[in-house]
Amino acid sequence: MKNAKVFIVGAGPGDPGLLTMKAAECLRKADVVVYDRLVSEEILGFIPRHAEMIFAGKAARDHAMPQDEINQTLVDLAKQDKIVVRLKGGDPFIFGRGSEEALMLAEHDINFEIVPGITASAGCGAYAGIPLTHRGLATGVRFVTGHCRDGHHLDLNWASLACPETTLVIYMGLINIEKISAELIKAGLPADTPAAGVERGTTPDQRTVITTLEKLPETLAKAELKAPSLLIIGKVVDLADVISWKTHAHESLLNEPS
């Protein structure tokens, strides 16, 4: 494995312009690319024709390739003395399971490198005109997953999350949105806290729905938001009315559907 190396690369949230120069460089020299469902066709276009492409899939409750198999595939490819790029949507270390893959490579003494990407929270927030922190509105931000493993209940520390001075960003939260809304309100977060759902953030198909925490489940259902979508809850969401700079290019539902 003299020349073998695995690059665990973040592809960003969707807009190919947000792909980092380092990520593009890794793709250009790859012998094989193992990529996820959320990597856009435009970004896949950076992959050279000679490189082998392996689809790893992965959507909520629908894994084209189980994580254990992905881990083993990376090891097997590296042992063939190949330059491997593991291409993941967003950032590999923010709910991307990149650390699990890195641990597997480390256990097998395989040379690897982590290439960060713009995570969905930063990309979707910026393109929707929602800053994750803002002086006087949010002193911090929390990233949580709204998805649970099969056979498990969503069991978060709701009391710690229900802080009016913190922006809450929820990945993969559509499936459990009714529980999320109810539990946060029960834990003390005001029902009228501004809340948003951003579908396909940073892409030409981006949609932004803005409402309140209490009405978020109903509003998302009426708007028929689909995955991939990101939920943002907190006072900063109100700023989208003023600084949502992409409204001319993307449909933005700044009020609840009637």
C-alpha atoms as a PDB file:
ATOM      1  CA  MET A   1       0.000   0.000   0.000  1.00  0.00           C
ATOM      2  CA  LYS A   2       2.864   2.337  -0.868  1.00  0.00           C
ATOM      3  CA  ASN A   3       0.701   4.897  -2.688  1.00  0.00           C
ATOM      4  CA  ALA A   4      -2.661   4.206  -1.028  1.00  0.00           C
ATOM      5  CA  LYS A   5      -4.482   7.001   0.728  1.00  0.00           C
ATOM      6  CA  VAL A   6      -8.104   7.696   1.606  1.00  0.00           C
ATOM      7  CA  PHE A   7      -9.410  11.251   1.570  1.00  0.00           C
ATOM      8  CA  ILE A   8     -12.622  11.710   3.558  1.00  0.00           C
ATOM      9  CA  VAL A   9     -13.996  14.786   1.807  1.00  0.00           C
ATOM     10  CA  GLY A  10     -16.895  17.121   2.523  1.00  0.00           C
ATOM     11  CA  ALA A  11     -18.676  18.138  -0.685  1.00  0.00           C
ATOM     12  CA  GLY A  12     -20.619  20.995   0.918  1.00  0.00           C
ATOM     13  CA  PRO A  13     -24.402  21.464   1.016  1.00  0.00           C
ATOM     14  CA  GLY A  14     -25.175  21.367  -2.707  1.00  0.00           C
ATOM     15  CA  ASP A  15     -24.062  24.467  -4.576  1.00  0.00           C
ATOM     16  CA  PRO A  16     -20.985  23.341  -6.562  1.00  0.00           C
ATOM     17  CA  GLY A  17     -19.495  26.795  -6.029  1.00  0.00           C
ATOM     18  CA  LEU A  18     -19.169  25.955  -2.335  1.00  0.00           C
ATOM     19  CA  LEU A  19     -16.888  22.989  -2.992  1.00  0.00           C
ATOM     20  CA  THR A  20     -13.467  23.813  -1.549  1.00  0.00           C
ATOM     21  CA  MET A  21     -10.376  23.995  -3.733  1.00  0.00           C
ATOM     22  CA  LYS A  22      -8.813  21.187  -1.709  1.00  0.00           C
ATOM     23  CA  ALA A  23     -11.842  18.959  -2.237  1.00  0.00           C
ATOM     24  CA  ALA A  24     -11.708  19.588  -5.993  1.00  0.00           C
ATOM     25  CA  GLU A  25      -7.993  18.747  -5.999  1.00  0.00           C
ATOM     26  CA  CYS A  26      -8.668  15.437  -4.223  1.00  0.00           C
ATOM     27  CA  LEU A  27     -11.293  14.511  -6.800  1.00  0.00           C
ATOM     28  CA  ARG A  28      -8.942  15.256  -9.696  1.00  0.00           C
ATOM     29  CA  LYS A  29      -6.341  12.766  -8.460  1.00  0.00           C
ATOM     30  CA  ALA A  30      -8.725  10.029  -7.300  1.00  0.00           C
ATOM     31  CA  ASP A  31      -8.569   6.482  -8.592  1.00  0.00           C
ATOM     32  CA  VAL A  32     -11.963   5.713  -7.051  1.00  0.00           C
ATOM     33  CA  VAL A  33     -14.710   7.836  -5.458  1.00  0.00           C
ATOM     34  CA  VAL A  34     -17.219   6.442  -2.958  1.00  0.00           C
ATOM     35  CA  TYR A  35     -20.027   8.986  -2.869  1.00  0.00           C
ATOM     36  CA  ASP A  36     -23.292   9.621  -1.026  1.00  0.00           C
ATOM     37  CA  ARG A  37     -26.811  10.387  -2.242  1.00  0.00           C
ATOM     38  CA  LEU A  38     -26.618  14.093  -1.340  1.00  0.00           C
ATOM     39  CA  VAL A  39     -23.625  14.839  -3.565  1.00  0.00           C
ATOM     40  CA  SER A  40     -24.917  16.847  -6.534  1.00  0.00           C
ATOM     41  CA  GLU A  41     -24.450  15.886 -10.173  1.00  0.00           C
ATOM     42  CA  GLU A  42     -22.505  19.114 -10.728  1.00  0.00           C
ATOM     43  CA  ILE A  43     -19.971  18.121  -8.081  1.00  0.00           C
ATOM     44  CA  LEU A  44     -19.734  14.592  -9.447  1.00  0.00           C
ATOM     45  CA  GLY A  45     -18.739  16.276 -12.685  1.00  0.00           C
ATOM     46  CA  PHE A  46     -15.388  17.152 -11.107  1.00  0.00           C
ATOM     47  CA  ILE A  47     -14.487  13.454 -10.996  1.00  0.00           C
ATOM     48  CA  PRO A  48     -12.110  12.465 -13.844  1.00  0.00           C
ATOM     49  CA  ARG A  49     -13.388   9.949 -16.378  1.00  0.00           C
ATOM     50  CA  HIS A  50     -10.780   7.366 -15.485  1.00  0.00           C
ATOM     51  CA  ALA A  51     -11.899   7.187 -11.840  1.00  0.00           C
ATOM     52  CA  GLU A  52     -14.173   4.394 -10.658  1.00  0.00           C
ATOM     53  CA  MET A  53     -17.377   5.631  -8.983  1.00  0.00           C
ATOM     54  CA  ILE A  54     -19.120   3.679  -6.224  1.00  0.00           C
ATOM     55  CA  PHE A  55     -22.524   4.808  -4.961  1.00  0.00           C
ATOM     56  CA  ALA A  56     -22.905   4.385  -1.202  1.00  0.00           C
ATOM     57  CA  GLY A  57     -26.449   5.793  -1.106  1.00  0.00           C
ATOM     58  CA  LYS A  58     -27.811   6.434   2.373  1.00  0.00           C
ATOM     59  CA  ALA A  59     -31.099   8.138   3.171  1.00  0.00           C
ATOM     60  CA  ALA A  60     -33.160   8.003   6.341  1.00  0.00           C
ATOM     61  CA  ARG A  61     -34.285   4.391   6.850  1.00  0.00           C
ATOM     62  CA  ASP A  62     -33.005   3.461   3.377  1.00  0.00           C
ATOM     63  CA  HIS A  63     -29.313   2.574   3.227  1.00  0.00           C
ATOM     64  CA  ALA A  64     -28.114   1.462  -0.184  1.00  0.00           C
ATOM     65  CA  MET A  65     -24.876   0.393   1.495  1.00  0.00           C
ATOM     66  CA  PRO A  66     -24.785  -0.169   5.281  1.00  0.00           C
ATOM     67  CA  GLN A  67     -22.151   1.820   7.170  1.00  0.00           C
ATOM     68  CA  ASP A  68     -20.153  -1.263   8.097  1.00  0.00           C
ATOM     69  CA  GLU A  69     -19.946  -2.187   4.424  1.00  0.00           C
ATOM     70  CA  ILE A  70     -18.831   1.338   3.508  1.00  0.00           C
ATOM     71  CA  ASN A  71     -16.091   1.155   6.129  1.00  0.00           C
ATOM     72  CA  GLN A  72     -14.856  -2.176   4.812  1.00  0.00           C
ATOM     73  CA  THR A  73     -15.035  -0.983   1.194  1.00  0.00           C
ATOM     74  CA  LEU A  74     -12.677   1.897   1.985  1.00  0.00           C
ATOM     75  CA  VAL A  75     -10.215  -0.509   3.597  1.00  0.00           C
ATOM     76  CA  ASP A  76     -10.404  -2.960   0.692  1.00  0.00           C
ATOM     77  CA  LEU A  77      -9.876  -0.250  -1.923  1.00  0.00           C
ATOM     78  CA  ALA A  78      -6.900   1.185  -0.071  1.00  0.00           C
ATOM     79  CA  LYS A  79      -5.342  -2.258   0.137  1.00  0.00           C
ATOM     80  CA  GLN A  80      -5.434  -2.275  -3.682  1.00  0.00           C
ATOM     81  CA  ASP A  81      -2.964   0.631  -3.524  1.00  0.00           C
ATOM     82  CA  LYS A  82      -5.509   3.178  -4.767  1.00  0.00           C
ATOM     83  CA  ILE A  83      -6.147   6.842  -4.075  1.00  0.00           C
ATOM     84  CA  VAL A  84      -9.661   6.788  -2.642  1.00  0.00           C
ATOM     85  CA  VAL A  85     -11.999   9.728  -2.097  1.00  0.00           C
ATOM     86  CA  ARG A  86     -14.901   9.180   0.268  1.00  0.00           C
ATOM     87  CA  LEU A  87     -17.194  12.004  -0.847  1.00  0.00           C
ATOM     88  CA  LYS A  88     -19.874  13.074   1.614  1.00  0.00           C
ATOM     89  CA  GLY A  89     -22.495  15.830   1.537  1.00  0.00           C
ATOM     90  CA  GLY A  90     -21.826  18.759   3.853  1.00  0.00           C
ATOM     91  CA  ASP A  91     -18.984  18.201   6.299  1.00  0.00           C
ATOM     92  CA  PRO A  92     -17.802  14.662   7.094  1.00  0.00           C
ATOM     93  CA  PHE A  93     -17.603  15.318  10.844  1.00  0.00           C
ATOM     94  CA  ILE A  94     -21.046  16.967  11.283  1.00  0.00           C
ATOM     95  CA  PHE A  95     -23.528  14.061  11.363  1.00  0.00           C
ATOM     96  CA  GLY A  96     -21.604  12.589   8.443  1.00  0.00           C
ATOM     97  CA  ARG A  97     -20.140   9.524  10.201  1.00  0.00           C
ATOM     98  CA  GLY A  98     -16.758  10.439   8.782  1.00  0.00           C
ATOM     99  CA  SER A  99     -15.153   9.799  12.156  1.00  0.00           C
ATOM    100  CA  GLU A 100     -16.397   6.193  12.105  1.00  0.00           C
ATOM    101  CA  GLU A 101     -14.758   5.700   8.733  1.00  0.00           C
ATOM    102  CA  ALA A 102     -11.549   7.340   9.951  1.00  0.00           C
ATOM    103  CA  LEU A 103     -11.454   5.044  12.987  1.00  0.00           C
ATOM    104  CA  MET A 104     -11.764   2.008  10.729  1.00  0.00           C
ATOM    105  CA  LEU A 105      -8.911   3.230   8.529  1.00  0.00           C
ATOM    106  CA  ALA A 106      -6.745   3.972  11.554  1.00  0.00           C
ATOM    107  CA  GLU A 107      -7.362   0.464  12.914  1.00  0.00           C
ATOM    108  CA  HIS A 108      -5.996  -0.949   9.656  1.00  0.00           C
ATOM    109  CA  ASP A 109      -2.999   1.443   9.523  1.00  0.00           C
ATOM    110  CA  ILE A 110      -4.254   3.041   6.318  1.00  0.00           C
ATOM    111  CA  ASN A 111      -3.092   6.546   5.498  1.00  0.00           C
ATOM    112  CA  PHE A 112      -5.998   8.995   5.405  1.00  0.00           C
ATOM    113  CA  GLU A 113      -6.819  12.682   5.454  1.00  0.00           C
ATOM    114  CA  ILE A 114      -9.927  14.637   6.451  1.00  0.00           C
ATOM    115  CA  VAL A 115     -11.001  17.450   4.125  1.00  0.00           C
ATOM    116  CA  PRO A 116     -13.690  19.612   5.781  1.00  0.00           C
ATOM    117  CA  GLY A 117     -16.691  20.865   3.852  1.00  0.00           C
ATOM    118  CA  ILE A 118     -19.248  23.610   4.388  1.00  0.00           C
ATOM    119  CA  THR A 119     -21.864  21.965   6.559  1.00  0.00           C
ATOM    120  CA  ALA A 120     -25.575  22.172   5.739  1.00  0.00           C
ATOM    121  CA  SER A 121     -26.246  24.391   8.749  1.00  0.00           C
ATOM    122  CA  ALA A 122     -23.868  27.107   7.559  1.00  0.00           C
ATOM    123  CA  GLY A 123     -24.883  26.811   3.904  1.00  0.00           C
ATOM    124  CA  CYS A 124     -28.653  26.651   4.391  1.00  0.00           C
ATOM    125  CA  GLY A 125     -28.633  29.388   6.996  1.00  0.00           C
ATOM    126  CA  ALA A 126     -26.615  31.741   4.795  1.00  0.00           C
ATOM    127  CA  TYR A 127     -28.676  31.111   1.648  1.00  0.00           C
ATOM    128  CA  ALA A 128     -31.943  31.516   3.572  1.00  0.00           C
ATOM    129  CA  GLY A 129     -30.803  34.769   5.170  1.00  0.00           C
ATOM    130  CA  ILE A 130     -30.747  33.226   8.653  1.00  0.00           C
ATOM    131  CA  PRO A 131     -27.531  33.861  10.620  1.00  0.00           C
ATOM    132  CA  LEU A 132     -26.936  31.139  13.179  1.00  0.00           C
ATOM    133  CA  THR A 133     -25.689  33.692  15.698  1.00  0.00           C
ATOM    134  CA  HIS A 134     -26.472  37.386  15.971  1.00  0.00           C
ATOM    135  CA  ARG A 135     -25.668  39.898  18.681  1.00  0.00           C
ATOM    136  CA  GLY A 136     -28.667  40.370  20.939  1.00  0.00           C
ATOM    137  CA  LEU A 137     -30.568  37.412  19.464  1.00  0.00           C
ATOM    138  CA  ALA A 138     -28.408  34.309  19.811  1.00  0.00           C
ATOM    139  CA  THR A 139     -25.254  33.831  21.862  1.00  0.00           C
ATOM    140  CA  GLY A 140     -24.706  30.284  20.647  1.00  0.00           C
ATOM    141  CA  VAL A 141     -25.863  27.523  18.339  1.00  0.00           C
ATOM    142  CA  ARG A 142     -26.607  23.838  18.909  1.00  0.00           C
ATOM    143  CA  PHE A 143     -26.471  21.151  16.215  1.00  0.00           C
ATOM    144  CA  VAL A 144     -28.617  18.084  16.888  1.00  0.00           C
ATOM    145  CA  THR A 145     -29.990  15.186  14.888  1.00  0.00           C
ATOM    146  CA  GLY A 146     -33.731  14.697  14.708  1.00  0.00           C
ATOM    147  CA  HIS A 147     -33.325  11.161  13.429  1.00  0.00           C
ATOM    148  CA  CYS A 148     -32.903   8.111  15.625  1.00  0.00           C
ATOM    149  CA  ARG A 149     -31.623   4.633  14.954  1.00  0.00           C
ATOM    150  CA  ASP A 150     -34.149   2.053  13.848  1.00  0.00           C
ATOM    151  CA  GLY A 151     -35.985   0.647  16.845  1.00  0.00           C
ATOM    152  CA  HIS A 152     -35.038   3.555  19.105  1.00  0.00           C
ATOM    153  CA  HIS A 153     -37.048   6.564  20.270  1.00  0.00           C
ATOM    154  CA  LEU A 154     -35.790  10.117  19.803  1.00  0.00           C
ATOM    155  CA  ASP A 155     -34.487  10.877  23.283  1.00  0.00           C
ATOM    156  CA  LEU A 156     -32.743  14.239  23.439  1.00  0.00           C
ATOM    157  CA  ASN A 157     -32.025  16.447  26.435  1.00  0.00           C
ATOM    158  CA  TRP A 158     -34.979  18.706  25.704  1.00  0.00           C
ATOM    159  CA  ALA A 159     -34.445  20.919  28.763  1.00  0.00           C
ATOM    160  CA  SER A 160     -30.920  21.811  27.625  1.00  0.00           C
ATOM    161  CA  LEU A 161     -32.114  22.497  24.075  1.00  0.00           C
ATOM    162  CA  ALA A 162     -34.993  24.790  25.075  1.00  0.00           C
ATOM    163  CA  CYS A 163     -32.853  27.915  25.477  1.00  0.00           C
ATOM    164  CA  PRO A 164     -34.332  31.103  23.967  1.00  0.00           C
ATOM    165  CA  GLU A 165     -30.856  32.624  23.554  1.00  0.00           C
ATOM    166  CA  THR A 166     -29.551  29.714  21.462  1.00  0.00           C
ATOM    167  CA  THR A 167     -30.175  28.855  17.824  1.00  0.00           C
ATOM    168  CA  LEU A 168     -31.170  25.239  17.395  1.00  0.00           C
ATOM    169  CA  VAL A 169     -30.276  23.539  14.104  1.00  0.00           C
ATOM    170  CA  ILE A 170     -31.840  20.137  13.540  1.00  0.00           C
ATOM    171  CA  TYR A 171     -30.550  17.750  10.906  1.00  0.00           C
ATOM    172  CA  MET A 172     -32.848  15.021   9.552  1.00  0.00           C
ATOM    173  CA  GLY A 173     -35.771  16.277  11.628  1.00  0.00           C
ATOM    174  CA  LEU A 174     -38.746  15.924   9.270  1.00  0.00           C
ATOM    175  CA  ILE A 175     -39.705  12.431  10.402  1.00  0.00           C
ATOM    176  CA  ASN A 176     -39.957  13.445  14.077  1.00  0.00           C
ATOM    177  CA  ILE A 177     -41.018  17.078  13.712  1.00  0.00           C
ATOM    178  CA  GLU A 178     -44.228  16.717  15.737  1.00  0.00           C
ATOM    179  CA  LYS A 179     -42.333  15.239  18.688  1.00  0.00           C
ATOM    180  CA  ILE A 180     -39.544  17.813  18.395  1.00  0.00           C
ATOM    181  CA  SER A 181     -41.979  20.728  18.460  1.00  0.00           C
ATOM    182  CA  ALA A 182     -44.035  19.341  21.331  1.00  0.00           C
ATOM    183  CA  GLU A 183     -41.044  18.396  23.488  1.00  0.00           C
ATOM    184  CA  LEU A 184     -39.309  21.752  23.071  1.00  0.00           C
ATOM    185  CA  ILE A 185     -42.471  23.622  24.040  1.00  0.00           C
ATOM    186  CA  LYS A 186     -43.001  21.279  26.972  1.00  0.00           C
ATOM    187  CA  ALA A 187     -39.415  21.991  28.091  1.00  0.00           C
ATOM    188  CA  GLY A 188     -40.092  25.718  28.151  1.00  0.00           C
ATOM    189  CA  LEU A 189     -39.198  27.118  24.735  1.00  0.00           C
ATOM    190  CA  PRO A 190     -41.929  29.636  23.818  1.00  0.00           C
ATOM    191  CA  ALA A 191     -44.442  28.318  21.296  1.00  0.00           C
ATOM    192  CA  ASP A 192     -44.086  31.505  19.222  1.00  0.00           C
ATOM    193  CA  THR A 193     -40.324  31.068  18.773  1.00  0.00           C
ATOM    194  CA  PRO A 194     -39.504  31.713  15.093  1.00  0.00           C
ATOM    195  CA  ALA A 195     -38.754  28.523  13.161  1.00  0.00           C
ATOM    196  CA  ALA A 196     -37.797  27.641   9.607  1.00  0.00           C
ATOM    197  CA  GLY A 197     -37.504  24.664   7.329  1.00  0.00           C
ATOM    198  CA  VAL A 198     -35.028  24.851   4.451  1.00  0.00           C
ATOM    199  CA  GLU A 199     -35.378  22.274   1.700  1.00  0.00           C
ATOM    200  CA  ARG A 200     -32.484  21.547  -0.673  1.00  0.00           C
ATOM    201  CA  GLY A 201     -30.520  24.477   0.698  1.00  0.00           C
ATOM    202  CA  THR A 202     -28.021  26.299  -1.588  1.00  0.00           C
ATOM    203  CA  THR A 203     -29.399  24.616  -4.723  1.00  0.00           C
ATOM    204  CA  PRO A 204     -31.650  26.157  -7.415  1.00  0.00           C
ATOM    205  CA  ASP A 205     -34.524  24.155  -5.872  1.00  0.00           C
ATOM    206  CA  GLN A 206     -34.147  25.676  -2.406  1.00  0.00           C
ATOM    207  CA  ARG A 207     -37.381  26.484  -0.552  1.00  0.00           C
ATOM    208  CA  THR A 208     -37.607  28.273   2.777  1.00  0.00           C
ATOM    209  CA  VAL A 209     -40.681  28.037   4.989  1.00  0.00           C
ATOM    210  CA  ILE A 210     -40.890  30.322   8.003  1.00  0.00           C
ATOM    211  CA  THR A 211     -43.383  30.011  10.844  1.00  0.00           C
ATOM    212  CA  THR A 212     -43.327  29.426  14.621  1.00  0.00           C
ATOM    213  CA  LEU A 213     -42.224  26.455  16.674  1.00  0.00           C
ATOM    214  CA  GLU A 214     -45.806  25.531  17.551  1.00  0.00           C
ATOM    215  CA  LYS A 215     -46.990  25.655  13.945  1.00  0.00           C
ATOM    216  CA  LEU A 216     -43.871  24.128  12.414  1.00  0.00           C
ATOM    217  CA  PRO A 217     -45.238  20.565  11.958  1.00  0.00           C
ATOM    218  CA  GLU A 218     -48.435  21.783  10.292  1.00  0.00           C
ATOM    219  CA  THR A 219     -46.641  24.329   8.129  1.00  0.00           C
ATOM    220  CA  LEU A 220     -44.033  21.876   6.870  1.00  0.00           C
ATOM    221  CA  ALA A 221     -46.771  19.373   6.049  1.00  0.00           C
ATOM    222  CA  LYS A 222     -48.789  21.956   4.097  1.00  0.00           C
ATOM    223  CA  ALA A 223     -45.695  23.082   2.204  1.00  0.00           C
ATOM    224  CA  GLU A 224     -44.856  19.418   1.524  1.00  0.00           C
ATOM    225  CA  LEU A 225     -41.198  19.883   2.378  1.00  0.00           C
ATOM    226  CA  LYS A 226     -39.136  16.831   1.551  1.00  0.00           C
ATOM    227  CA  ALA A 227     -35.688  15.608   2.514  1.00  0.00           C
ATOM    228  CA  PRO A 228     -33.044  16.844   2.474  1.00  0.00           C
ATOM    229  CA  SER A 229     -34.325  19.602   4.735  1.00  0.00           C
ATOM    230  CA  LEU A 230     -32.812  21.429   7.670  1.00  0.00           C
ATOM    231  CA  LEU A 231     -34.749  22.946  10.572  1.00  0.00           C
ATOM    232  CA  ILE A 232     -33.626  26.171  12.243  1.00  0.00           C
ATOM    233  CA  ILE A 233     -35.328  27.333  15.449  1.00  0.00           C
ATOM    234  CA  GLY A 234     -34.603  30.596  17.228  1.00  0.00           C
ATOM    235  CA  LYS A 235     -34.962  34.367  17.207  1.00  0.00           C
ATOM    236  CA  VAL A 236     -32.477  34.725  14.347  1.00  0.00           C
ATOM    237  CA  VAL A 237     -35.047  33.252  11.945  1.00  0.00           C
ATOM    238  CA  ASP A 238     -36.879  36.607  11.973  1.00  0.00           C
ATOM    239  CA  LEU A 239     -33.934  38.204  10.164  1.00  0.00           C
ATOM    240  CA  ALA A 240     -34.757  36.268   6.987  1.00  0.00           C
ATOM    241  CA  ASP A 241     -37.489  38.810   6.223  1.00  0.00           C
ATOM    242  CA  VAL A 242     -34.761  41.419   5.745  1.00  0.00           C
ATOM    243  CA  ILE A 243     -31.600  39.631   4.603  1.00  0.00           C
ATOM    244  CA  SER A 244     -32.887  36.677   2.572  1.00  0.00           C
ATOM    245  CA  TRP A 245     -30.731  37.606  -0.418  1.00  0.00           C
ATOM    246  CA  LYS A 246     -31.605  34.559  -2.539  1.00  0.00           C
ATOM    247  CA  THR A 247     -35.361  35.181  -2.718  1.00  0.00           C
ATOM    248  CA  HIS A 248     -35.051  36.401  -6.295  1.00  0.00           C
ATOM    249  CA  ALA A 249     -33.626  33.011  -7.311  1.00  0.00           C
ATOM    250  CA  HIS A 250     -35.397  30.621  -4.960  1.00  0.00           C
ATOM    251  CA  GLU A 251     -39.008  30.256  -3.961  1.00  0.00           C
ATOM    252  CA  SER A 252     -39.279  31.519  -0.378  1.00  0.00           C
ATOM    253  CA  LEU A 253     -42.426  30.930   1.608  1.00  0.00           C
ATOM    254  CA  LEU A 254     -41.971  33.590   4.259  1.00  0.00           C
ATOM    255  CA  ASN A 255     -45.478  33.082   5.595  1.00  0.00           C
ATOM    256  CA  GLU A 256     -47.413  29.955   6.355  1.00  0.00           C
ATOM    257  CA  PRO A 257     -49.287  28.444   3.446  1.00  0.00           C
ATOM    258  CA  SER A 258     -52.965  29.345   3.575  1.00  0.00           C
END
